[in-house]
Every structure is written in C-alpha cells, then in structure tokens.
Amino acid sequence: MFTIEHGYDATTITLVDEDQAPLREDVIINAFEDCITVTQFDPRTDTAQQVTLSMTQLRDLSAALDLPEGVYRIRPEGS
C-alpha cells in the first residue's frame, strides 16, 4: 500500500510494507524541486535514516531498475 500527498513545496509518497512478517518500517519519499529524500525509521538505533538523491541520481536509478548487470552512462537526447 502507498499514499501520495501534494504539499506546497514537496510531494510525499509513503510506502507501507504489508507483506508477510518480518515487516519493515514505512518508507517516506519527499520529492522537491531539486532533490528527492528517502527516509525510514530504524528501530535498532531509534532514529530516522535519510538519503538525499539529486534529480540526476533519481533518473539513473529509474533507468537502472530495468537494465541487466553492467556499467552505463545516459547520454543527453540528440548525442
């Protein structure tokens, strides 16, 4: 299950783990104009862990999900 909320400066997507045990904490993705943050609570340390991706890193991650093992570089259109 997931939710999507549109705010003033970001769109927030929350991914809820509904699979079989052991379940993981919710993942919260905030999409800003210039970056994406991915946050998940870590019960072992009792803190929220956050990763920030640039829009270029997000583009590369999106492309990588559908590619086989290897090293790639995305070329600008028309190159």
N, C-alpha and C. Protein backbone atom coordinates (compact mmCIF):
# COMPACT_ATOMS: atom_id res chain seq x y z
N MET A 1 0.85 -1.17 0.00
CA MET A 1 0.00 0.00 0.00
C MET A 1 0.89 1.23 0.00
N PHE A 2 0.42 2.31 -0.61
CA PHE A 2 1.14 3.56 -0.56
C PHE A 2 0.16 4.72 -0.58
N THR A 3 0.64 5.87 -0.09
CA THR A 3 -0.16 7.09 -0.13
C THR A 3 0.64 8.16 -0.87
N ILE A 4 -0.08 9.12 -1.46
CA ILE A 4 0.53 10.26 -2.13
C ILE A 4 -0.14 11.52 -1.60
N GLU A 5 0.68 12.48 -1.17
CA GLU A 5 0.17 13.76 -0.69
C GLU A 5 0.94 14.88 -1.36
N HIS A 6 0.22 15.87 -1.90
CA HIS A 6 0.86 17.01 -2.54
C HIS A 6 0.84 18.18 -1.57
N GLY A 7 2.03 18.69 -1.24
CA GLY A 7 2.15 19.85 -0.36
C GLY A 7 2.63 21.05 -1.13
N TYR A 8 2.89 22.13 -0.40
CA TYR A 8 3.32 23.38 -1.03
C TYR A 8 4.66 23.22 -1.73
N ASP A 9 5.64 22.62 -1.04
CA ASP A 9 6.99 22.54 -1.60
C ASP A 9 7.45 21.13 -1.94
N ALA A 10 6.60 20.13 -1.71
CA ALA A 10 7.02 18.75 -1.99
C ALA A 10 5.82 17.85 -2.18
N THR A 11 6.06 16.76 -2.90
CA THR A 11 5.10 15.67 -2.98
C THR A 11 5.65 14.56 -2.10
N THR A 12 4.81 14.01 -1.22
CA THR A 12 5.25 12.98 -0.28
C THR A 12 4.56 11.66 -0.62
N ILE A 13 5.38 10.63 -0.82
CA ILE A 13 4.88 9.27 -1.06
C ILE A 13 5.30 8.42 0.13
N THR A 14 4.36 7.71 0.73
CA THR A 14 4.66 6.82 1.85
C THR A 14 4.38 5.39 1.42
N LEU A 15 5.39 4.53 1.51
CA LEU A 15 5.26 3.12 1.16
C LEU A 15 5.09 2.32 2.44
N VAL A 16 4.01 1.56 2.53
CA VAL A 16 3.71 0.78 3.72
C VAL A 16 3.93 -0.69 3.40
N ASP A 17 4.74 -1.37 4.21
CA ASP A 17 5.04 -2.79 4.00
C ASP A 17 3.89 -3.63 4.53
N GLU A 18 3.14 -4.24 3.64
CA GLU A 18 2.01 -5.09 4.03
C GLU A 18 2.28 -6.57 3.73
N ASP A 19 3.53 -6.88 3.42
CA ASP A 19 3.89 -8.25 3.09
C ASP A 19 3.90 -9.10 4.35
N GLN A 20 4.30 -10.33 4.22
CA GLN A 20 4.37 -11.22 5.37
C GLN A 20 5.53 -10.82 6.28
N ALA A 21 5.45 -11.22 7.52
CA ALA A 21 6.49 -10.89 8.52
C ALA A 21 7.84 -11.42 8.05
N PRO A 22 8.98 -10.82 8.36
CA PRO A 22 9.07 -9.61 9.17
C PRO A 22 8.81 -8.36 8.34
N LEU A 23 7.95 -7.49 8.86
CA LEU A 23 7.61 -6.26 8.16
C LEU A 23 8.66 -5.19 8.42
N ARG A 24 8.85 -4.31 7.47
CA ARG A 24 9.79 -3.20 7.58
C ARG A 24 9.02 -1.92 7.90
N GLU A 25 9.72 -0.93 8.42
CA GLU A 25 9.11 0.37 8.71
C GLU A 25 8.70 1.06 7.40
N ASP A 26 7.75 1.99 7.50
CA ASP A 26 7.32 2.75 6.33
C ASP A 26 8.50 3.48 5.71
N VAL A 27 8.46 3.64 4.40
CA VAL A 27 9.44 4.43 3.67
C VAL A 27 8.74 5.70 3.20
N ILE A 28 9.33 6.85 3.50
CA ILE A 28 8.74 8.13 3.13
C ILE A 28 9.65 8.79 2.09
N ILE A 29 9.07 9.12 0.94
CA ILE A 29 9.80 9.74 -0.16
C ILE A 29 9.25 11.14 -0.35
N ASN A 30 10.11 12.14 -0.23
CA ASN A 30 9.73 13.52 -0.47
C ASN A 30 10.37 13.98 -1.77
N ALA A 31 9.54 14.44 -2.70
CA ALA A 31 10.03 14.93 -3.98
C ALA A 31 9.98 16.46 -3.97
N PHE A 32 11.16 17.08 -3.95
CA PHE A 32 11.28 18.52 -4.01
C PHE A 32 11.65 18.92 -5.43
N GLU A 33 11.78 20.20 -5.67
CA GLU A 33 12.11 20.69 -7.00
C GLU A 33 13.49 20.23 -7.45
N ASP A 34 14.46 20.15 -6.52
CA ASP A 34 15.84 19.87 -6.90
C ASP A 34 16.41 18.57 -6.34
N CYS A 35 15.64 17.85 -5.54
CA CYS A 35 16.14 16.59 -4.97
C CYS A 35 14.99 15.73 -4.48
N ILE A 36 15.36 14.49 -4.15
CA ILE A 36 14.42 13.52 -3.57
C ILE A 36 15.03 13.04 -2.26
N THR A 37 14.22 12.97 -1.19
CA THR A 37 14.72 12.38 0.05
C THR A 37 13.95 11.10 0.32
N VAL A 38 14.67 10.10 0.81
CA VAL A 38 14.08 8.82 1.18
C VAL A 38 14.39 8.61 2.66
N THR A 39 13.35 8.45 3.48
CA THR A 39 13.51 8.35 4.92
C THR A 39 12.84 7.08 5.43
N GLN A 40 13.51 6.40 6.36
CA GLN A 40 12.94 5.22 7.00
C GLN A 40 13.42 5.18 8.45
N PHE A 41 12.50 4.91 9.37
CA PHE A 41 12.84 4.80 10.78
C PHE A 41 13.60 3.49 11.00
N ASP A 42 14.68 3.57 11.79
CA ASP A 42 15.49 2.40 12.12
C ASP A 42 15.26 2.07 13.60
N PRO A 43 14.48 1.02 13.89
CA PRO A 43 14.19 0.71 15.30
C PRO A 43 15.42 0.27 16.09
N ARG A 44 16.47 -0.19 15.41
CA ARG A 44 17.69 -0.61 16.12
C ARG A 44 18.39 0.58 16.76
N THR A 45 18.38 1.72 16.06
CA THR A 45 19.05 2.91 16.57
C THR A 45 18.06 3.95 17.09
N ASP A 46 16.77 3.70 16.91
CA ASP A 46 15.70 4.62 17.33
C ASP A 46 15.86 5.98 16.66
N THR A 47 16.30 5.98 15.40
CA THR A 47 16.44 7.22 14.64
C THR A 47 15.92 7.01 13.22
N ALA A 48 15.61 8.11 12.58
CA ALA A 48 15.22 8.07 11.18
C ALA A 48 16.47 8.21 10.33
N GLN A 49 16.61 7.35 9.34
CA GLN A 49 17.73 7.39 8.41
C GLN A 49 17.25 8.03 7.12
N GLN A 50 18.03 8.97 6.59
CA GLN A 50 17.61 9.68 5.38
C GLN A 50 18.72 9.67 4.33
N VAL A 51 18.30 9.50 3.09
CA VAL A 51 19.19 9.57 1.93
C VAL A 51 18.63 10.64 1.01
N THR A 52 19.52 11.48 0.48
CA THR A 52 19.11 12.52 -0.47
C THR A 52 19.71 12.19 -1.84
N LEU A 53 18.84 12.18 -2.86
CA LEU A 53 19.26 11.91 -4.24
C LEU A 53 19.04 13.15 -5.07
N SER A 54 20.02 13.47 -5.93
CA SER A 54 19.81 14.55 -6.91
C SER A 54 18.84 14.03 -7.97
N MET A 55 18.33 14.93 -8.77
CA MET A 55 17.43 14.51 -9.84
C MET A 55 18.16 13.63 -10.85
N THR A 56 19.46 13.87 -11.06
CA THR A 56 20.25 13.03 -11.95
C THR A 56 20.38 11.62 -11.38
N GLN A 57 20.63 11.51 -10.08
CA GLN A 57 20.73 10.19 -9.46
C GLN A 57 19.39 9.46 -9.53
N LEU A 58 18.30 10.17 -9.35
CA LEU A 58 16.98 9.55 -9.45
C LEU A 58 16.73 9.04 -10.87
N ARG A 59 17.10 9.83 -11.87
CA ARG A 59 16.95 9.41 -13.27
C ARG A 59 17.75 8.13 -13.51
N ASP A 60 19.00 8.12 -13.02
CA ASP A 60 19.85 6.94 -13.21
C ASP A 60 19.29 5.72 -12.49
N LEU A 61 18.78 5.91 -11.27
CA LEU A 61 18.18 4.81 -10.53
C LEU A 61 16.98 4.25 -11.28
N SER A 62 16.15 5.13 -11.78
CA SER A 62 14.97 4.70 -12.54
C SER A 62 15.36 3.88 -13.76
N ALA A 63 16.37 4.32 -14.48
CA ALA A 63 16.85 3.59 -15.66
C ALA A 63 17.46 2.25 -15.25
N ALA A 64 18.19 2.23 -14.14
CA ALA A 64 18.90 1.02 -13.71
C ALA A 64 17.96 -0.11 -13.32
N LEU A 65 16.75 0.22 -12.89
CA LEU A 65 15.82 -0.82 -12.45
C LEU A 65 15.43 -1.77 -13.58
N ASP A 66 15.57 -1.33 -14.84
CA ASP A 66 15.16 -2.15 -15.97
C ASP A 66 16.33 -2.65 -16.82
N LEU A 67 17.56 -2.53 -16.31
CA LEU A 67 18.72 -2.93 -17.10
C LEU A 67 19.44 -4.12 -16.47
N PRO A 68 20.12 -4.92 -17.30
CA PRO A 68 20.92 -6.02 -16.75
C PRO A 68 22.20 -5.49 -16.12
N GLU A 69 22.93 -6.36 -15.46
CA GLU A 69 24.19 -6.01 -14.82
C GLU A 69 25.14 -5.35 -15.80
N GLY A 70 25.86 -4.32 -15.35
CA GLY A 70 26.82 -3.64 -16.23
C GLY A 70 27.07 -2.22 -15.77
N VAL A 71 27.84 -1.48 -16.56
CA VAL A 71 28.14 -0.07 -16.31
C VAL A 71 27.53 0.74 -17.44
N TYR A 72 26.81 1.80 -17.07
CA TYR A 72 26.07 2.57 -18.07
C TYR A 72 26.27 4.06 -17.87
N ARG A 73 26.08 4.82 -18.94
CA ARG A 73 26.03 6.28 -18.87
C ARG A 73 24.87 6.71 -19.76
N ILE A 74 24.00 7.54 -19.22
CA ILE A 74 22.87 8.03 -20.01
C ILE A 74 23.33 9.25 -20.79
N ARG A 75 23.15 9.22 -22.09
CA ARG A 75 23.54 10.34 -22.94
C ARG A 75 22.35 11.27 -23.13
N PRO A 76 22.62 12.57 -23.18
CA PRO A 76 21.54 13.52 -23.46
C PRO A 76 20.93 13.22 -24.83
N GLU A 77 19.66 13.51 -24.98
CA GLU A 77 18.98 13.27 -26.25
C GLU A 77 19.67 14.05 -27.36
N GLY A 78 19.84 13.43 -28.51
CA GLY A 78 20.48 14.07 -29.65
C GLY A 78 21.98 13.88 -29.71
N SER A 79 22.54 13.16 -28.74
CA SER A 79 24.00 12.94 -28.73
C SER A 79 24.35 11.63 -29.39
